[in-house]
Amino acid sequence: MTWTPSGKRILYLEDEAIIALDTTDTLRDMGFGTIDLCHSLEMAEAALSSAAPDLALLDVNLSHGRTSLDLGRRLREAGVPVVFATGYSADSLPLDETAVVVEKPLTPASLERALHQAAESSSG
């Protein structure tokens, strides 16, 4: 059975407002039931304390030189499928070979492929 985003909760961490709005529309069009849009690590932590996501989409490089890498590792260890989004080469990130990375600019097709890859690889 193929994974579907229908009705699922996604944690989406993105600190650039324009990108966040555009990608949120794409996620909604894909069928996610709940999109927890967070603009900082603190907002993401607060969202996680209220509900566990079915999947996470995390912008790697955040404001003030911060990254989402540690958050992503913790989520993956907890069994949450994670997609890391970056404007840099995926090869430049300190991630293991099983991490799913999508390069910016995101397109609906590249985002959908990455989300499906993360979800299906964590369930199988």
PDB file of N, CA and C in Angstrom:
ATOM      1  N   MET A   1       0.845  -1.185   0.000  1.00  0.00           N
ATOM      2  CA  MET A   1       0.000   0.000   0.000  1.00  0.00           C
ATOM      3  C   MET A   1       0.887   1.244   0.000  1.00  0.00           C
ATOM      4  N   THR A   2       0.576   2.188  -0.846  1.00  0.00           N
ATOM      5  CA  THR A   2       1.342   3.406  -0.966  1.00  0.00           C
ATOM      6  C   THR A   2       0.951   4.403   0.116  1.00  0.00           C
ATOM      7  N   TRP A   3       1.935   5.063   0.676  1.00  0.00           N
ATOM      8  CA  TRP A   3       1.706   6.075   1.696  1.00  0.00           C
ATOM      9  C   TRP A   3       0.977   7.268   1.084  1.00  0.00           C
ATOM     10  N   THR A   4       0.065   7.839   1.839  1.00  0.00           N
ATOM     11  CA  THR A   4      -0.647   9.038   1.396  1.00  0.00           C
ATOM     12  C   THR A   4      -0.665  10.070   2.519  1.00  0.00           C
ATOM     13  N   PRO A   5      -0.576  11.363   2.190  1.00  0.00           N
ATOM     14  CA  PRO A   5      -0.589  12.400   3.221  1.00  0.00           C
ATOM     15  C   PRO A   5      -1.991  12.728   3.730  1.00  0.00           C
ATOM     16  N   SER A   6      -2.992  12.129   3.141  1.00  0.00           N
ATOM     17  CA  SER A   6      -4.377  12.447   3.485  1.00  0.00           C
ATOM     18  C   SER A   6      -4.642  12.312   4.984  1.00  0.00           C
ATOM     19  N   GLY A   7      -5.026  13.430   5.589  1.00  0.00           N
ATOM     20  CA  GLY A   7      -5.362  13.436   7.001  1.00  0.00           C
ATOM     21  C   GLY A   7      -4.186  13.415   7.950  1.00  0.00           C
ATOM     22  N   LYS A   8      -2.965  13.361   7.467  1.00  0.00           N
ATOM     23  CA  LYS A   8      -1.779  13.271   8.317  1.00  0.00           C
ATOM     24  C   LYS A   8      -1.385  14.649   8.857  1.00  0.00           C
ATOM     25  N   ARG A   9      -0.637  14.626   9.979  1.00  0.00           N
ATOM     26  CA  ARG A   9      -0.095  15.844  10.603  1.00  0.00           C
ATOM     27  C   ARG A   9       1.369  15.975  10.196  1.00  0.00           C
ATOM     28  N   ILE A  10       1.742  17.169   9.700  1.00  0.00           N
ATOM     29  CA  ILE A  10       3.137  17.425   9.355  1.00  0.00           C
ATOM     30  C   ILE A  10       3.651  18.622  10.145  1.00  0.00           C
ATOM     31  N   LEU A  11       4.846  18.479  10.681  1.00  0.00           N
ATOM     32  CA  LEU A  11       5.546  19.580  11.313  1.00  0.00           C
ATOM     33  C   LEU A  11       6.409  20.210  10.232  1.00  0.00           C
ATOM     34  N   TYR A  12       6.198  21.493   9.968  1.00  0.00           N
ATOM     35  CA  TYR A  12       6.945  22.192   8.922  1.00  0.00           C
ATOM     36  C   TYR A  12       7.684  23.363   9.543  1.00  0.00           C
ATOM     37  N   LEU A  13       9.008  23.310   9.523  1.00  0.00           N
ATOM     38  CA  LEU A  13       9.862  24.352  10.079  1.00  0.00           C
ATOM     39  C   LEU A  13      10.528  25.111   8.946  1.00  0.00           C
ATOM     40  N   GLU A  14      10.199  26.391   8.828  1.00  0.00           N
ATOM     41  CA  GLU A  14      10.760  27.260   7.783  1.00  0.00           C
ATOM     42  C   GLU A  14      10.748  28.685   8.310  1.00  0.00           C
ATOM     43  N   ASP A  15      11.905  29.353   8.286  1.00  0.00           N
ATOM     44  CA  ASP A  15      11.982  30.707   8.834  1.00  0.00           C
ATOM     45  C   ASP A  15      11.797  31.818   7.803  1.00  0.00           C
ATOM     46  N   GLU A  16      11.703  31.487   6.531  1.00  0.00           N
ATOM     47  CA  GLU A  16      11.465  32.484   5.478  1.00  0.00           C
ATOM     48  C   GLU A  16       9.972  32.500   5.151  1.00  0.00           C
ATOM     49  N   ALA A  17       9.307  33.628   5.417  1.00  0.00           N
ATOM     50  CA  ALA A  17       7.852  33.719   5.312  1.00  0.00           C
ATOM     51  C   ALA A  17       7.307  33.378   3.925  1.00  0.00           C
ATOM     52  N   ILE A  18       7.907  33.898   2.889  1.00  0.00           N
ATOM     53  CA  ILE A  18       7.400  33.658   1.526  1.00  0.00           C
ATOM     54  C   ILE A  18       7.483  32.172   1.176  1.00  0.00           C
ATOM     55  N   ILE A  19       8.620  31.567   1.483  1.00  0.00           N
ATOM     56  CA  ILE A  19       8.787  30.130   1.218  1.00  0.00           C
ATOM     57  C   ILE A  19       7.777  29.337   2.035  1.00  0.00           C
ATOM     58  N   ALA A  20       7.607  29.718   3.298  1.00  0.00           N
ATOM     59  CA  ALA A  20       6.682  29.007   4.188  1.00  0.00           C
ATOM     60  C   ALA A  20       5.257  29.052   3.657  1.00  0.00           C
ATOM     61  N   LEU A  21       4.819  30.212   3.231  1.00  0.00           N
ATOM     62  CA  LEU A  21       3.446  30.342   2.719  1.00  0.00           C
ATOM     63  C   LEU A  21       3.245  29.515   1.456  1.00  0.00           C
ATOM     64  N   ASP A  22       4.188  29.604   0.540  1.00  0.00           N
ATOM     65  CA  ASP A  22       4.090  28.865  -0.716  1.00  0.00           C
ATOM     66  C   ASP A  22       4.093  27.355  -0.474  1.00  0.00           C
ATOM     67  N   THR A  23       5.004  26.893   0.369  1.00  0.00           N
ATOM     68  CA  THR A  23       5.109  25.461   0.635  1.00  0.00           C
ATOM     69  C   THR A  23       3.914  24.961   1.438  1.00  0.00           C
ATOM     70  N   THR A  24       3.399  25.782   2.343  1.00  0.00           N
ATOM     71  CA  THR A  24       2.205  25.398   3.095  1.00  0.00           C
ATOM     72  C   THR A  24       1.037  25.167   2.147  1.00  0.00           C
ATOM     73  N   ASP A  25       0.891  26.017   1.144  1.00  0.00           N
ATOM     74  CA  ASP A  25      -0.159  25.813   0.138  1.00  0.00           C
ATOM     75  C   ASP A  25       0.033  24.481  -0.580  1.00  0.00           C
ATOM     76  N   THR A  26       1.276  24.168  -0.921  1.00  0.00           N
ATOM     77  CA  THR A  26       1.567  22.896  -1.597  1.00  0.00           C
ATOM     78  C   THR A  26       1.228  21.720  -0.697  1.00  0.00           C
ATOM     79  N   LEU A  27       1.604  21.802   0.576  1.00  0.00           N
ATOM     80  CA  LEU A  27       1.303  20.719   1.517  1.00  0.00           C
ATOM     81  C   LEU A  27      -0.208  20.539   1.673  1.00  0.00           C
ATOM     82  N   ARG A  28      -0.931  21.651   1.730  1.00  0.00           N
ATOM     83  CA  ARG A  28      -2.392  21.586   1.830  1.00  0.00           C
ATOM     84  C   ARG A  28      -2.984  20.927   0.574  1.00  0.00           C
ATOM     85  N   ASP A  29      -2.463  21.327  -0.587  1.00  0.00           N
ATOM     86  CA  ASP A  29      -2.926  20.727  -1.842  1.00  0.00           C
ATOM     87  C   ASP A  29      -2.627  19.232  -1.910  1.00  0.00           C
ATOM     88  N   MET A  30      -1.551  18.811  -1.256  1.00  0.00           N
ATOM     89  CA  MET A  30      -1.202  17.390  -1.229  1.00  0.00           C
ATOM     90  C   MET A  30      -2.163  16.591  -0.355  1.00  0.00           C
ATOM     91  N   GLY A  31      -2.871  17.267   0.558  1.00  0.00           N
ATOM     92  CA  GLY A  31      -3.872  16.587   1.371  1.00  0.00           C
ATOM     93  C   GLY A  31      -3.571  16.440   2.843  1.00  0.00           C
ATOM     94  N   PHE A  32      -2.486  17.059   3.335  1.00  0.00           N
ATOM     95  CA  PHE A  32      -2.202  16.956   4.762  1.00  0.00           C
ATOM     96  C   PHE A  32      -3.371  17.507   5.559  1.00  0.00           C
ATOM     97  N   GLY A  33      -3.732  16.810   6.636  1.00  0.00           N
ATOM     98  CA  GLY A  33      -4.852  17.225   7.468  1.00  0.00           C
ATOM     99  C   GLY A  33      -4.501  18.370   8.388  1.00  0.00           C
ATOM    100  N   THR A  34      -3.287  18.336   8.952  1.00  0.00           N
ATOM    101  CA  THR A  34      -2.825  19.383   9.857  1.00  0.00           C
ATOM    102  C   THR A  34      -1.395  19.751   9.486  1.00  0.00           C
ATOM    103  N   ILE A  35      -1.157  21.048   9.344  1.00  0.00           N
ATOM    104  CA  ILE A  35       0.182  21.550   9.058  1.00  0.00           C
ATOM    105  C   ILE A  35       0.589  22.444  10.215  1.00  0.00           C
ATOM    106  N   ASP A  36       1.544  21.969  11.011  1.00  0.00           N
ATOM    107  CA  ASP A  36       2.068  22.774  12.113  1.00  0.00           C
ATOM    108  C   ASP A  36       3.228  23.590  11.560  1.00  0.00           C
ATOM    109  N   LEU A  37       2.926  24.812  11.100  1.00  0.00           N
ATOM    110  CA  LEU A  37       3.941  25.692  10.531  1.00  0.00           C
ATOM    111  C   LEU A  37       4.663  26.412  11.657  1.00  0.00           C
ATOM    112  N   CYS A  38       5.973  26.238  11.698  1.00  0.00           N
ATOM    113  CA  CYS A  38       6.799  26.834  12.742  1.00  0.00           C
ATOM    114  C   CYS A  38       7.900  27.659  12.085  1.00  0.00           C
ATOM    115  N   HIS A  39       8.178  28.824  12.662  1.00  0.00           N
ATOM    116  CA  HIS A  39       9.193  29.719  12.104  1.00  0.00           C
ATOM    117  C   HIS A  39      10.493  29.716  12.902  1.00  0.00           C
ATOM    118  N   SER A  40      10.545  28.914  13.967  1.00  0.00           N
ATOM    119  CA  SER A  40      11.760  28.836  14.785  1.00  0.00           C
ATOM    120  C   SER A  40      11.823  27.469  15.458  1.00  0.00           C
ATOM    121  N   LEU A  41      13.005  27.142  15.957  1.00  0.00           N
ATOM    122  CA  LEU A  41      13.158  25.894  16.701  1.00  0.00           C
ATOM    123  C   LEU A  41      12.261  25.883  17.931  1.00  0.00           C
ATOM    124  N   GLU A  42      12.121  27.039  18.573  1.00  0.00           N
ATOM    125  CA  GLU A  42      11.277  27.118  19.760  1.00  0.00           C
ATOM    126  C   GLU A  42       9.816  26.821  19.426  1.00  0.00           C
ATOM    127  N   MET A  43       9.341  27.358  18.314  1.00  0.00           N
ATOM    128  CA  MET A  43       7.965  27.062  17.895  1.00  0.00           C
ATOM    129  C   MET A  43       7.801  25.581  17.572  1.00  0.00           C
ATOM    130  N   ALA A  44       8.815  24.997  16.957  1.00  0.00           N
ATOM    131  CA  ALA A  44       8.756  23.568  16.625  1.00  0.00           C
ATOM    132  C   ALA A  44       8.706  22.724  17.888  1.00  0.00           C
ATOM    133  N   GLU A  45       9.513  23.065  18.867  1.00  0.00           N
ATOM    134  CA  GLU A  45       9.504  22.328  20.136  1.00  0.00           C
ATOM    135  C   GLU A  45       8.132  22.442  20.817  1.00  0.00           C
ATOM    136  N   ALA A  46       7.538  23.636  20.772  1.00  0.00           N
ATOM    137  CA  ALA A  46       6.215  23.831  21.372  1.00  0.00           C
ATOM    138  C   ALA A  46       5.173  22.997  20.642  1.00  0.00           C
ATOM    139  N   ALA A  47       5.243  22.952  19.316  1.00  0.00           N
ATOM    140  CA  ALA A  47       4.289  22.151  18.541  1.00  0.00           C
ATOM    141  C   ALA A  47       4.446  20.674  18.883  1.00  0.00           C
ATOM    142  N   LEU A  48       5.681  20.222  19.045  1.00  0.00           N
ATOM    143  CA  LEU A  48       5.929  18.819  19.366  1.00  0.00           C
ATOM    144  C   LEU A  48       5.407  18.454  20.749  1.00  0.00           C
ATOM    145  N   SER A  49       5.406  19.409  21.660  1.00  0.00           N
ATOM    146  CA  SER A  49       4.936  19.112  23.011  1.00  0.00           C
ATOM    147  C   SER A  49       3.423  18.948  23.063  1.00  0.00           C
ATOM    148  N   SER A  50       2.723  19.449  22.043  1.00  0.00           N
ATOM    149  CA  SER A  50       1.260  19.326  22.048  1.00  0.00           C
ATOM    150  C   SER A  50       0.752  18.170  21.198  1.00  0.00           C
ATOM    151  N   ALA A  51       1.490  17.787  20.156  1.00  0.00           N
ATOM    152  CA  ALA A  51       1.052  16.679  19.302  1.00  0.00           C
ATOM    153  C   ALA A  51       2.230  16.152  18.486  1.00  0.00           C
ATOM    154  N   ALA A  52       2.308  14.844  18.368  1.00  0.00           N
ATOM    155  CA  ALA A  52       3.362  14.229  17.564  1.00  0.00           C
ATOM    156  C   ALA A  52       2.969  14.258  16.093  1.00  0.00           C
ATOM    157  N   PRO A  53       3.899  14.650  15.223  1.00  0.00           N
ATOM    158  CA  PRO A  53       3.589  14.660  13.793  1.00  0.00           C
ATOM    159  C   PRO A  53       3.743  13.274  13.180  1.00  0.00           C
ATOM    160  N   ASP A  54       3.090  13.084  12.049  1.00  0.00           N
ATOM    161  CA  ASP A  54       3.284  11.859  11.270  1.00  0.00           C
ATOM    162  C   ASP A  54       4.534  11.963  10.415  1.00  0.00           C
ATOM    163  N   LEU A  55       4.962  13.211  10.162  1.00  0.00           N
ATOM    164  CA  LEU A  55       6.089  13.479   9.279  1.00  0.00           C
ATOM    165  C   LEU A  55       6.596  14.880   9.583  1.00  0.00           C
ATOM    166  N   ALA A  56       7.870  15.164   9.259  1.00  0.00           N
ATOM    167  CA  ALA A  56       8.411  16.511   9.456  1.00  0.00           C
ATOM    168  C   ALA A  56       9.166  16.968   8.216  1.00  0.00           C
ATOM    169  N   LEU A  57       8.997  18.238   7.887  1.00  0.00           N
ATOM    170  CA  LEU A  57       9.736  18.905   6.819  1.00  0.00           C
ATOM    171  C   LEU A  57      10.488  20.046   7.487  1.00  0.00           C
ATOM    172  N   LEU A  58      11.827  19.961   7.483  1.00  0.00           N
ATOM    173  CA  LEU A  58      12.642  20.909   8.234  1.00  0.00           C
ATOM    174  C   LEU A  58      13.627  21.640   7.333  1.00  0.00           C
ATOM    175  N   ASP A  59      13.534  22.972   7.327  1.00  0.00           N
ATOM    176  CA  ASP A  59      14.553  23.791   6.679  1.00  0.00           C
ATOM    177  C   ASP A  59      15.824  23.612   7.495  1.00  0.00           C
ATOM    178  N   VAL A  60      16.919  23.296   6.844  1.00  0.00           N
ATOM    179  CA  VAL A  60      18.158  23.021   7.575  1.00  0.00           C
ATOM    180  C   VAL A  60      18.746  24.280   8.186  1.00  0.00           C
ATOM    181  N   ASN A  61      18.953  25.313   7.378  1.00  0.00           N
ATOM    182  CA  ASN A  61      19.624  26.527   7.846  1.00  0.00           C
ATOM    183  C   ASN A  61      18.610  27.572   8.274  1.00  0.00           C
ATOM    184  N   LEU A  62      18.650  27.899   9.552  1.00  0.00           N
ATOM    185  CA  LEU A  62      17.706  28.841  10.130  1.00  0.00           C
ATOM    186  C   LEU A  62      18.414  30.148  10.478  1.00  0.00           C
ATOM    187  N   SER A  63      17.657  31.114  10.939  1.00  0.00           N
ATOM    188  CA  SER A  63      18.199  32.420  11.326  1.00  0.00           C
ATOM    189  C   SER A  63      19.250  32.289  12.421  1.00  0.00           C
ATOM    190  N   HIS A  64      20.125  33.267  12.468  1.00  0.00           N
ATOM    191  CA  HIS A  64      21.139  33.383  13.515  1.00  0.00           C
ATOM    192  C   HIS A  64      22.098  32.198  13.547  1.00  0.00           C
ATOM    193  N   GLY A  65      22.360  31.612  12.385  1.00  0.00           N
ATOM    194  CA  GLY A  65      23.324  30.526  12.297  1.00  0.00           C
ATOM    195  C   GLY A  65      22.877  29.208  12.891  1.00  0.00           C
ATOM    196  N   ARG A  66      21.601  29.090  13.204  1.00  0.00           N
ATOM    197  CA  ARG A  66      21.080  27.847  13.789  1.00  0.00           C
ATOM    198  C   ARG A  66      20.687  26.880  12.684  1.00  0.00           C
ATOM    199  N   THR A  67      20.636  25.596  13.039  1.00  0.00           N
ATOM    200  CA  THR A  67      20.175  24.574  12.093  1.00  0.00           C
ATOM    201  C   THR A  67      19.132  23.687  12.768  1.00  0.00           C
ATOM    202  N   SER A  68      18.429  22.940  11.934  1.00  0.00           N
ATOM    203  CA  SER A  68      17.424  21.996  12.434  1.00  0.00           C
ATOM    204  C   SER A  68      17.966  20.572  12.502  1.00  0.00           C
ATOM    205  N   LEU A  69      19.260  20.397  12.321  1.00  0.00           N
ATOM    206  CA  LEU A  69      19.828  19.045  12.250  1.00  0.00           C
ATOM    207  C   LEU A  69      19.601  18.229  13.517  1.00  0.00           C
ATOM    208  N   ASP A  70      19.821  18.821  14.687  1.00  0.00           N
ATOM    209  CA  ASP A  70      19.612  18.074  15.940  1.00  0.00           C
ATOM    210  C   ASP A  70      18.143  17.702  16.119  1.00  0.00           C
ATOM    211  N   LEU A  71      17.249  18.639  15.822  1.00  0.00           N
ATOM    212  CA  LEU A  71      15.816  18.351  15.906  1.00  0.00           C
ATOM    213  C   LEU A  71      15.460  17.207  14.963  1.00  0.00           C
ATOM    214  N   GLY A  72      15.975  17.254  13.758  1.00  0.00           N
ATOM    215  CA  GLY A  72      15.706  16.197  12.789  1.00  0.00           C
ATOM    216  C   GLY A  72      16.206  14.841  13.246  1.00  0.00           C
ATOM    217  N   ARG A  73      17.384  14.822  13.839  1.00  0.00           N
ATOM    218  CA  ARG A  73      17.927  13.555  14.343  1.00  0.00           C
ATOM    219  C   ARG A  73      17.051  12.988  15.455  1.00  0.00           C
ATOM    220  N   ARG A  74      16.614  13.856  16.358  1.00  0.00           N
ATOM    221  CA  ARG A  74      15.749  13.398  17.455  1.00  0.00           C
ATOM    222  C   ARG A  74      14.417  12.861  16.918  1.00  0.00           C
ATOM    223  N   LEU A  75      13.849  13.550  15.954  1.00  0.00           N
ATOM    224  CA  LEU A  75      12.588  13.084  15.379  1.00  0.00           C
ATOM    225  C   LEU A  75      12.773  11.730  14.692  1.00  0.00           C
ATOM    226  N   ARG A  76      13.857  11.597  13.936  1.00  0.00           N
ATOM    227  CA  ARG A  76      14.115  10.328  13.254  1.00  0.00           C
ATOM    228  C   ARG A  76      14.312   9.200  14.262  1.00  0.00           C
ATOM    229  N   GLU A  77      15.020   9.471  15.353  1.00  0.00           N
ATOM    230  CA  GLU A  77      15.219   8.461  16.390  1.00  0.00           C
ATOM    231  C   GLU A  77      13.900   8.058  17.039  1.00  0.00           C
ATOM    232  N   ALA A  78      12.940   8.988  17.056  1.00  0.00           N
ATOM    233  CA  ALA A  78      11.615   8.711  17.619  1.00  0.00           C
ATOM    234  C   ALA A  78      10.689   8.048  16.591  1.00  0.00           C
ATOM    235  N   GLY A  79      11.202   7.796  15.391  1.00  0.00           N
ATOM    236  CA  GLY A  79      10.413   7.111  14.371  1.00  0.00           C
ATOM    237  C   GLY A  79       9.596   8.017  13.472  1.00  0.00           C
ATOM    238  N   VAL A  80       9.835   9.333  13.547  1.00  0.00           N
ATOM    239  CA  VAL A  80       9.111  10.265  12.680  1.00  0.00           C
ATOM    240  C   VAL A  80       9.896  10.432  11.383  1.00  0.00           C
ATOM    241  N   PRO A  81       9.283  10.197  10.232  1.00  0.00           N
ATOM    242  CA  PRO A  81       9.966  10.432   8.963  1.00  0.00           C
ATOM    243  C   PRO A  81      10.278  11.920   8.820  1.00  0.00           C
ATOM    244  N   VAL A  82      11.498  12.237   8.378  1.00  0.00           N
ATOM    245  CA  VAL A  82      11.941  13.622   8.259  1.00  0.00           C
ATOM    246  C   VAL A  82      12.493  13.873   6.865  1.00  0.00           C
ATOM    247  N   VAL A  83      12.122  15.030   6.313  1.00  0.00           N
ATOM    248  CA  VAL A  83      12.724  15.525   5.084  1.00  0.00           C
ATOM    249  C   VAL A  83      13.433  16.826   5.442  1.00  0.00           C
ATOM    250  N   PHE A  84      14.712  16.898   5.109  1.00  0.00           N
ATOM    251  CA  PHE A  84      15.496  18.114   5.323  1.00  0.00           C
ATOM    252  C   PHE A  84      15.489  18.914   4.025  1.00  0.00           C
ATOM    253  N   ALA A  85      15.152  20.201   4.106  1.00  0.00           N
ATOM    254  CA  ALA A  85      15.156  21.078   2.939  1.00  0.00           C
ATOM    255  C   ALA A  85      16.339  22.028   3.046  1.00  0.00           C
ATOM    256  N   THR A  86      17.066  22.194   1.944  1.00  0.00           N
ATOM    257  CA  THR A  86      18.243  23.051   1.971  1.00  0.00           C
ATOM    258  C   THR A  86      18.461  23.737   0.633  1.00  0.00           C
ATOM    259  N   GLY A  87      19.036  24.912   0.702  1.00  0.00           N
ATOM    260  CA  GLY A  87      19.430  25.624  -0.498  1.00  0.00           C
ATOM    261  C   GLY A  87      20.845  25.288  -0.916  1.00  0.00           C
ATOM    262  N   TYR A  88      21.507  24.450  -0.140  1.00  0.00           N
ATOM    263  CA  TYR A  88      22.876  24.021  -0.415  1.00  0.00           C
ATOM    264  C   TYR A  88      22.864  22.592  -0.934  1.00  0.00           C
ATOM    265  N   SER A  89      23.987  22.127  -1.368  1.00  0.00           N
ATOM    266  CA  SER A  89      24.098  20.751  -1.835  1.00  0.00           C
ATOM    267  C   SER A  89      23.840  19.788  -0.682  1.00  0.00           C
ATOM    268  N   ALA A  90      23.063  18.764  -0.952  1.00  0.00           N
ATOM    269  CA  ALA A  90      22.775  17.750   0.068  1.00  0.00           C
ATOM    270  C   ALA A  90      24.059  17.086   0.553  1.00  0.00           C
ATOM    271  N   ASP A  91      25.060  16.993  -0.313  1.00  0.00           N
ATOM    272  CA  ASP A  91      26.336  16.363   0.046  1.00  0.00           C
ATOM    273  C   ASP A  91      27.097  17.159   1.098  1.00  0.00           C
ATOM    274  N   SER A  92      26.774  18.443   1.239  1.00  0.00           N
ATOM    275  CA  SER A  92      27.506  19.277   2.193  1.00  0.00           C
ATOM    276  C   SER A  92      26.952  19.159   3.616  1.00  0.00           C
ATOM    277  N   LEU A  93      25.854  18.433   3.792  1.00  0.00           N
ATOM    278  CA  LEU A  93      25.230  18.316   5.109  1.00  0.00           C
ATOM    279  C   LEU A  93      25.785  17.122   5.883  1.00  0.00           C
ATOM    280  N   PRO A  94      25.966  17.286   7.198  1.00  0.00           N
ATOM    281  CA  PRO A  94      26.474  16.172   8.021  1.00  0.00           C
ATOM    282  C   PRO A  94      25.356  15.206   8.397  1.00  0.00           C
ATOM    283  N   LEU A  95      24.837  14.512   7.404  1.00  0.00           N
ATOM    284  CA  LEU A  95      23.739  13.564   7.613  1.00  0.00           C
ATOM    285  C   LEU A  95      24.153  12.191   7.128  1.00  0.00           C
ATOM    286  N   ASP A  96      23.523  11.158   7.694  1.00  0.00           N
ATOM    287  CA  ASP A  96      23.848   9.818   7.219  1.00  0.00           C
ATOM    288  C   ASP A  96      23.143   9.565   5.881  1.00  0.00           C
ATOM    289  N   GLU A  97      23.525   8.471   5.257  1.00  0.00           N
ATOM    290  CA  GLU A  97      23.032   8.169   3.908  1.00  0.00           C
ATOM    291  C   GLU A  97      21.546   7.852   3.856  1.00  0.00           C
ATOM    292  N   THR A  98      20.912   7.613   4.997  1.00  0.00           N
ATOM    293  CA  THR A  98      19.474   7.317   4.978  1.00  0.00           C
ATOM    294  C   THR A  98      18.607   8.572   5.084  1.00  0.00           C
ATOM    295  N   ALA A  99      19.234   9.729   5.349  1.00  0.00           N
ATOM    296  CA  ALA A  99      18.465  10.971   5.469  1.00  0.00           C
ATOM    297  C   ALA A  99      17.899  11.374   4.113  1.00  0.00           C
ATOM    298  N   VAL A 100      16.669  11.871   4.125  1.00  0.00           N
ATOM    299  CA  VAL A 100      16.036  12.346   2.902  1.00  0.00           C
ATOM    300  C   VAL A 100      16.205  13.864   2.847  1.00  0.00           C
ATOM    301  N   VAL A 101      16.794  14.332   1.747  1.00  0.00           N
ATOM    302  CA  VAL A 101      17.061  15.758   1.571  1.00  0.00           C
ATOM    303  C   VAL A 101      16.442  16.214   0.262  1.00  0.00           C
ATOM    304  N   VAL A 102      15.784  17.374   0.298  1.00  0.00           N
ATOM    305  CA  VAL A 102      15.254  17.982  -0.913  1.00  0.00           C
ATOM    306  C   VAL A 102      15.904  19.356  -1.037  1.00  0.00           C
ATOM    307  N   GLU A 103      16.401  19.650  -2.229  1.00  0.00           N
ATOM    308  CA  GLU A 103      17.080  20.919  -2.433  1.00  0.00           C
ATOM    309  C   GLU A 103      16.095  22.000  -2.861  1.00  0.00           C
ATOM    310  N   LYS A 104      16.344  23.213  -2.359  1.00  0.00           N
ATOM    311  CA  LYS A 104      15.555  24.383  -2.725  1.00  0.00           C
ATOM    312  C   LYS A 104      16.100  24.945  -4.026  1.00  0.00           C
ATOM    313  N   PRO A 105      15.291  25.587  -4.822  1.00  0.00           N
ATOM    314  CA  PRO A 105      13.885  25.871  -4.557  1.00  0.00           C
ATOM    315  C   PRO A 105      13.025  24.615  -4.690  1.00  0.00           C
ATOM    316  N   LEU A 106      12.093  24.485  -3.748  1.00  0.00           N
ATOM    317  CA  LEU A 106      11.193  23.339  -3.745  1.00  0.00           C
ATOM    318  C   LEU A 106      10.174  23.484  -4.870  1.00  0.00           C
ATOM    319  N   THR A 107       9.886  22.368  -5.500  1.00  0.00           N
ATOM    320  CA  THR A 107       8.775  22.316  -6.458  1.00  0.00           C
ATOM    321  C   THR A 107       7.762  21.337  -5.887  1.00  0.00           C
ATOM    322  N   PRO A 108       6.515  21.431  -6.286  1.00  0.00           N
ATOM    323  CA  PRO A 108       5.553  20.441  -5.786  1.00  0.00           C
ATOM    324  C   PRO A 108       6.008  19.010  -6.059  1.00  0.00           C
ATOM    325  N   ALA A 109       6.570  18.761  -7.232  1.00  0.00           N
ATOM    326  CA  ALA A 109       6.991  17.398  -7.582  1.00  0.00           C
ATOM    327  C   ALA A 109       8.168  16.935  -6.716  1.00  0.00           C
ATOM    328  N   SER A 110       9.183  17.794  -6.517  1.00  0.00           N
ATOM    329  CA  SER A 110      10.340  17.382  -5.713  1.00  0.00           C
ATOM    330  C   SER A 110       9.948  17.197  -4.259  1.00  0.00           C
ATOM    331  N   LEU A 111       9.064  18.054  -3.773  1.00  0.00           N
ATOM    332  CA  LEU A 111       8.602  17.938  -2.390  1.00  0.00           C
ATOM    333  C   LEU A 111       7.799  16.658  -2.196  1.00  0.00           C
ATOM    334  N   GLU A 112       6.904  16.379  -3.098  1.00  0.00           N
ATOM    335  CA  GLU A 112       6.090  15.171  -2.981  1.00  0.00           C
ATOM    336  C   GLU A 112       6.955  13.916  -3.026  1.00  0.00           C
ATOM    337  N   ARG A 113       7.931  13.875  -3.927  1.00  0.00           N
ATOM    338  CA  ARG A 113       8.848  12.725  -4.015  1.00  0.00           C
ATOM    339  C   ARG A 113       9.591  12.522  -2.698  1.00  0.00           C
ATOM    340  N   ALA A 114      10.123  13.606  -2.135  1.00  0.00           N
ATOM    341  CA  ALA A 114      10.903  13.506  -0.900  1.00  0.00           C
ATOM    342  C   ALA A 114      10.035  13.063   0.275  1.00  0.00           C
ATOM    343  N   LEU A 115       8.840  13.623   0.391  1.00  0.00           N
ATOM    344  CA  LEU A 115       7.944  13.251   1.483  1.00  0.00           C
ATOM    345  C   LEU A 115       7.540  11.784   1.383  1.00  0.00           C
ATOM    346  N   HIS A 116       7.229  11.335   0.184  1.00  0.00           N
ATOM    347  CA  HIS A 116       6.866   9.920  -0.008  1.00  0.00           C
ATOM    348  C   HIS A 116       8.055   9.014   0.299  1.00  0.00           C
ATOM    349  N   GLN A 117       9.247   9.421  -0.142  1.00  0.00           N
ATOM    350  CA  GLN A 117      10.449   8.614   0.121  1.00  0.00           C
ATOM    351  C   GLN A 117      10.679   8.473   1.624  1.00  0.00           C
ATOM    352  N   ALA A 118      10.577   9.574   2.344  1.00  0.00           N
ATOM    353  CA  ALA A 118      10.798   9.523   3.808  1.00  0.00           C
ATOM    354  C   ALA A 118       9.751   8.672   4.494  1.00  0.00           C
ATOM    355  N   ALA A 119       8.493   8.869   4.132  1.00  0.00           N
ATOM    356  CA  ALA A 119       7.399   8.142   4.781  1.00  0.00           C
ATOM    357  C   ALA A 119       7.468   6.644   4.495  1.00  0.00           C
ATOM    358  N   GLU A 120       7.722   6.307   3.238  1.00  0.00           N
ATOM    359  CA  GLU A 120       7.734   4.895   2.870  1.00  0.00           C
ATOM    360  C   GLU A 120       8.987   4.188   3.385  1.00  0.00           C
ATOM    361  N   SER A 121      10.120   4.882   3.445  1.00  0.00           N
ATOM    362  CA  SER A 121      11.326   4.220   3.925  1.00  0.00           C
ATOM    363  C   SER A 121      11.269   4.000   5.435  1.00  0.00           C
ATOM    364  N   SER A 122      10.549   4.864   6.148  1.00  0.00           N
ATOM    365  CA  SER A 122      10.442   4.668   7.599  1.00  0.00           C
ATOM    366  C   SER A 122       9.402   3.621   7.963  1.00  0.00           C
ATOM    367  N   SER A 123       8.473   3.356   7.069  1.00  0.00           N
ATOM    368  CA  SER A 123       7.437   2.364   7.369  1.00  0.00           C
ATOM    369  C   SER A 123       7.815   0.972   6.884  1.00  0.00           C
ATOM    370  N   GLY A 124       8.857   0.891   6.072  1.00  0.00           N
ATOM    371  CA  GLY A 124       9.222  -0.401   5.537  1.00  0.00           C
ATOM    372  C   GLY A 124      10.573  -0.728   5.921  1.00  0.00           C
TER     373      GLY A 124
END
